[in-house]
Protein backbone atom coordinates (compact mmCIF):
# COMPACT_ATOMS: atom_id res chain seq x y z
CA MET A 1 -225.45 -123.86 -53.64
CA GLY A 2 -226.92 -126.15 -56.28
CA GLN A 3 -226.22 -129.87 -56.24
CA PRO A 4 -225.25 -131.33 -52.83
CA LEU A 5 -221.53 -132.09 -52.55
CA ALA A 6 -222.21 -135.80 -51.89
CA GLU A 7 -223.92 -136.07 -55.28
CA VAL A 8 -221.18 -134.06 -57.00
CA ILE A 9 -218.46 -136.35 -55.64
CA LYS A 10 -220.27 -139.57 -56.54
CA THR A 11 -221.36 -138.40 -60.00
CA LYS A 12 -217.98 -136.94 -61.00
CA ARG A 13 -216.09 -139.96 -59.66
CA LYS A 14 -218.28 -142.35 -61.66
CA GLU A 15 -217.98 -140.19 -64.79
CA LEU A 16 -214.20 -140.57 -64.47
CA HIS A 17 -214.54 -144.36 -63.96
CA MET A 18 -212.64 -144.03 -60.71
CA SER A 19 -213.06 -146.28 -57.66
CA ARG A 20 -213.47 -144.80 -54.20
CA LYS A 21 -210.02 -146.14 -53.31
CA GLU A 22 -208.45 -144.48 -56.35
CA LEU A 23 -210.07 -141.15 -55.46
CA ALA A 24 -209.03 -141.53 -51.81
CA ASP A 25 -205.42 -142.20 -52.81
CA LYS A 26 -205.34 -139.12 -55.06
CA ILE A 27 -206.49 -136.79 -52.25
CA SER A 28 -204.75 -138.53 -49.30
CA ALA A 29 -207.97 -139.66 -47.65
CA SER A 30 -209.37 -143.08 -46.82
CA ALA A 31 -211.78 -145.01 -49.03
CA GLY A 32 -214.04 -145.14 -45.97
CA ALA A 33 -214.13 -141.34 -45.86
CA VAL A 34 -215.05 -141.15 -49.56
CA TYR A 35 -217.81 -143.73 -48.98
CA ALA A 36 -219.09 -141.71 -46.00
CA TRP A 37 -219.11 -138.48 -48.04
CA GLU A 38 -220.95 -140.03 -50.98
CA THR A 39 -223.59 -141.77 -48.89
CA GLY A 40 -224.19 -138.90 -46.50
CA LYS A 41 -222.90 -140.92 -43.53
CA SER A 42 -220.48 -138.04 -43.03
CA THR A 43 -222.27 -134.78 -43.75
CA LYS A 44 -219.29 -132.48 -43.28
CA ILE A 45 -216.07 -132.58 -45.28
CA ARG A 46 -212.87 -130.96 -44.05
CA THR A 47 -211.87 -127.86 -45.98
CA LYS A 48 -208.45 -129.41 -46.69
CA PHE A 49 -210.18 -132.04 -48.88
CA ILE A 50 -212.51 -129.71 -50.82
CA GLY A 51 -209.75 -128.26 -53.03
CA PRO A 52 -208.13 -131.60 -53.90
CA LEU A 53 -211.56 -133.13 -54.57
CA ALA A 54 -212.40 -130.24 -56.91
CA ASP A 55 -209.03 -130.57 -58.70
CA VAL A 56 -209.29 -134.33 -59.22
CA LEU A 57 -213.00 -134.40 -60.07
CA GLY A 58 -213.17 -131.09 -61.94
CA PHE A 59 -215.77 -128.96 -60.16
CA ASP A 60 -215.87 -125.45 -58.66
CA PRO A 61 -215.14 -125.76 -54.93
CA THR A 62 -216.30 -122.26 -53.96
CA PRO A 63 -219.91 -123.07 -52.97
CA TYR A 64 -218.76 -125.97 -50.80
CA GLN A 65 -216.00 -124.33 -48.78
CA ASP A 66 -217.13 -123.81 -45.19
CA THR A 67 -215.44 -121.05 -43.24
CA ASP A 68 -217.35 -121.86 -40.03
CA LYS A 69 -214.69 -123.08 -37.51
CA ASP A 70 -217.18 -125.12 -35.45
CA ALA A 71 -218.47 -126.86 -38.58
CA GLN A 72 -214.90 -127.67 -39.61
CA ASP A 73 -214.11 -129.04 -36.13
CA GLU A 74 -217.21 -131.23 -36.38
CA ALA A 75 -216.08 -132.41 -39.81
CA VAL A 76 -212.65 -133.37 -38.46
CA ILE A 77 -214.17 -135.35 -35.59
CA GLU A 78 -216.74 -137.03 -37.84
CA GLU A 79 -214.10 -137.98 -40.39
CA GLU A 80 -211.70 -139.34 -37.77
CA LEU A 81 -214.54 -141.35 -36.27
CA THR A 82 -215.41 -142.75 -39.71
CA GLU A 83 -211.78 -143.71 -40.32
CA MET A 84 -211.53 -145.32 -36.91
CA GLU A 85 -214.72 -147.30 -37.52
CA ALA A 86 -213.30 -148.50 -40.85
CA ALA A 87 -210.10 -149.60 -39.08
CA VAL A 88 -212.11 -151.51 -36.45
CA ALA A 89 -214.15 -153.20 -39.20
CA GLU A 90 -210.91 -154.22 -40.92
CA ARG A 91 -209.56 -155.67 -37.65
CA VAL A 92 -212.79 -157.62 -37.16
CA ARG A 93 -212.34 -159.14 -40.62
CA LYS A 94 -208.66 -159.90 -39.91
CA PHE A 95 -209.40 -161.63 -36.58
CA ARG A 96 -212.35 -163.54 -38.09
CA LYS A 97 -210.15 -164.91 -40.85
CA ALA A 98 -207.29 -165.67 -38.44
CA GLY A 99 -209.73 -167.62 -36.27
CA LYS A 100 -210.99 -169.48 -39.36
CA HIS A 101 -214.56 -168.24 -38.79
CA THR A 102 -216.92 -167.66 -41.69
CA GLN A 103 -219.21 -164.67 -41.94
CA GLN A 104 -222.11 -167.10 -41.46
CA THR A 105 -220.72 -168.56 -38.21
CA MET A 106 -220.06 -165.06 -36.88
CA SER A 107 -223.57 -163.97 -37.88
CA ASP A 108 -225.04 -166.96 -36.06
CA GLU A 109 -222.92 -166.43 -32.95
CA LEU A 110 -223.80 -162.73 -32.76
CA GLY A 111 -227.47 -163.25 -33.63
CA LEU A 112 -227.22 -161.03 -36.71
CA GLU A 113 -228.40 -161.58 -40.25
CA LYS A 114 -225.50 -162.39 -42.56
CA ARG A 115 -226.11 -159.23 -44.63
CA VAL A 116 -225.90 -157.14 -41.43
CA TYR A 117 -222.66 -158.85 -40.40
CA ARG A 118 -221.24 -158.32 -43.91
CA ALA A 119 -222.14 -154.61 -43.66
CA LEU A 120 -220.33 -154.50 -40.31
CA GLU A 121 -217.12 -155.88 -41.84
CA ASN A 122 -217.43 -153.48 -44.77
CA GLY A 123 -217.68 -150.50 -42.41
CA LYS A 124 -221.28 -149.78 -43.41
CA LYS A 125 -222.74 -150.62 -39.98
CA ARG A 126 -221.75 -148.76 -36.88
CA ILE A 127 -220.27 -150.85 -34.09
CA ASP A 128 -221.60 -149.69 -30.74
CA LEU A 129 -220.05 -150.61 -27.40
CA GLU A 130 -222.31 -153.63 -26.83
CA LEU A 131 -221.55 -155.04 -30.27
CA LEU A 132 -217.82 -154.39 -29.79
CA LEU A 133 -217.87 -156.47 -26.61
CA ARG A 134 -219.88 -159.26 -28.28
CA LEU A 135 -217.41 -159.28 -31.18
CA SER A 136 -214.42 -159.46 -28.85
CA ARG A 137 -215.94 -162.48 -27.07
CA ALA A 138 -216.87 -164.24 -30.33
CA LEU A 139 -213.41 -163.62 -31.83
CA GLU A 140 -211.65 -164.37 -28.53
CA VAL A 141 -209.70 -161.12 -28.60
CA SER A 142 -209.85 -158.08 -26.35
CA ALA A 143 -211.90 -155.02 -27.20
CA ASP A 144 -208.57 -153.18 -27.01
CA GLU A 145 -207.22 -155.35 -29.83
CA LEU A 146 -210.27 -154.56 -31.97
CA LEU A 147 -209.76 -150.86 -31.29
CA GLY A 148 -206.08 -151.16 -32.20
CA GLY A 149 -204.75 -150.24 -28.78
CA ALA A 150 -203.09 -153.57 -28.05
CA GLN A 151 -200.32 -152.59 -30.45
CA GLU A 152 -199.39 -149.63 -28.26
CA LYS A 153 -198.61 -151.11 -24.85
CA THR A 154 -197.30 -148.55 -22.40
CA GLU A 155 -194.63 -149.10 -19.77
CA ALA A 156 -197.26 -148.96 -17.04
CA ALA A 157 -199.12 -151.92 -18.54
CA VAL A 158 -195.90 -153.92 -18.94
CA GLU A 159 -194.86 -153.23 -15.34
CA ALA A 160 -198.25 -154.34 -13.92
CA SER A 161 -198.17 -157.78 -12.37
CA PRO A 162 -200.37 -160.33 -14.18
CA GLU A 163 -201.99 -161.30 -10.85
CA GLU A 164 -203.21 -157.80 -10.00
CA GLU A 165 -205.49 -155.34 -11.72
CA PRO A 166 -203.69 -152.29 -13.10
CA LYS A 167 -204.07 -149.35 -10.76
CA LEU A 168 -206.35 -146.49 -11.75
CA GLU A 169 -203.29 -144.23 -11.97
CA ASN A 170 -201.78 -146.56 -14.60
CA TRP A 171 -204.98 -146.49 -16.66
CA ILE A 172 -205.09 -142.71 -16.49
CA LYS A 173 -201.42 -142.50 -17.55
CA GLN A 174 -202.05 -144.91 -20.43
CA ILE A 175 -204.98 -142.82 -21.60
CA ALA A 176 -203.02 -139.58 -21.23
CA ASP A 177 -200.11 -141.04 -23.27
CA ALA A 178 -202.36 -142.56 -25.95
CA PRO A 179 -202.70 -141.04 -29.43
CA GLU A 180 -205.59 -138.62 -29.89
CA ASP A 181 -207.73 -141.09 -31.87
CA LYS A 182 -207.50 -143.59 -28.99
CA LYS A 183 -208.49 -140.89 -26.49
CA LYS A 184 -211.55 -140.11 -28.61
CA ALA A 185 -212.45 -143.81 -28.66
CA VAL A 186 -212.19 -143.96 -24.86
CA ARG A 187 -214.41 -140.86 -24.56
CA ARG A 188 -217.02 -142.44 -26.83
CA MET A 189 -216.96 -145.69 -24.87
CA TRP A 190 -217.14 -143.86 -21.54
CA ASN A 191 -220.14 -141.86 -22.77
CA ALA A 192 -221.83 -145.09 -23.88
CA VAL A 193 -221.13 -146.75 -20.53
CA ARG A 194 -222.51 -143.76 -18.61
CA GLU A 195 -225.75 -144.04 -20.57
CA LEU A 196 -226.25 -147.70 -19.50
């Protein structure tokens, strides 16, 4: 196959003096996905992006096109996860700024080095379930808000009385009605909780 695709993307992009965001915009992807491809954080790239990448960057896509359905499914999941993580990191930054916290105060509160916290906000550090909960407490927002779900209240949640816990049936309905990316987030969290 020759040069790994991650190296091809990074090298060609830099030769064209193009930022990750500019490349992402040209191929309808996220800058976080381009970062993940270039750094190897995401080892699989969806077939639908190989052609546009080759067109914009000027390389032969043939050796990099994967016809393996399972590998492509993995690439889709990995890419969606990367995009979701980038969205969570952006929400963390937004809530930190809204709460007038500095990166240093957040680092201190979470017991992280400032460089680690900065990497978290830049989407370069994965946010596991424990860290998500610590962030929600430090920022005084719900984990749901950090995951982006608070924007999509369902009728079942609105109908629930504030004095009582939502019934399991309501939670199940909310999950069933949620967008696919939210369902994947719930699955990941549930898997993490089961491992505790």
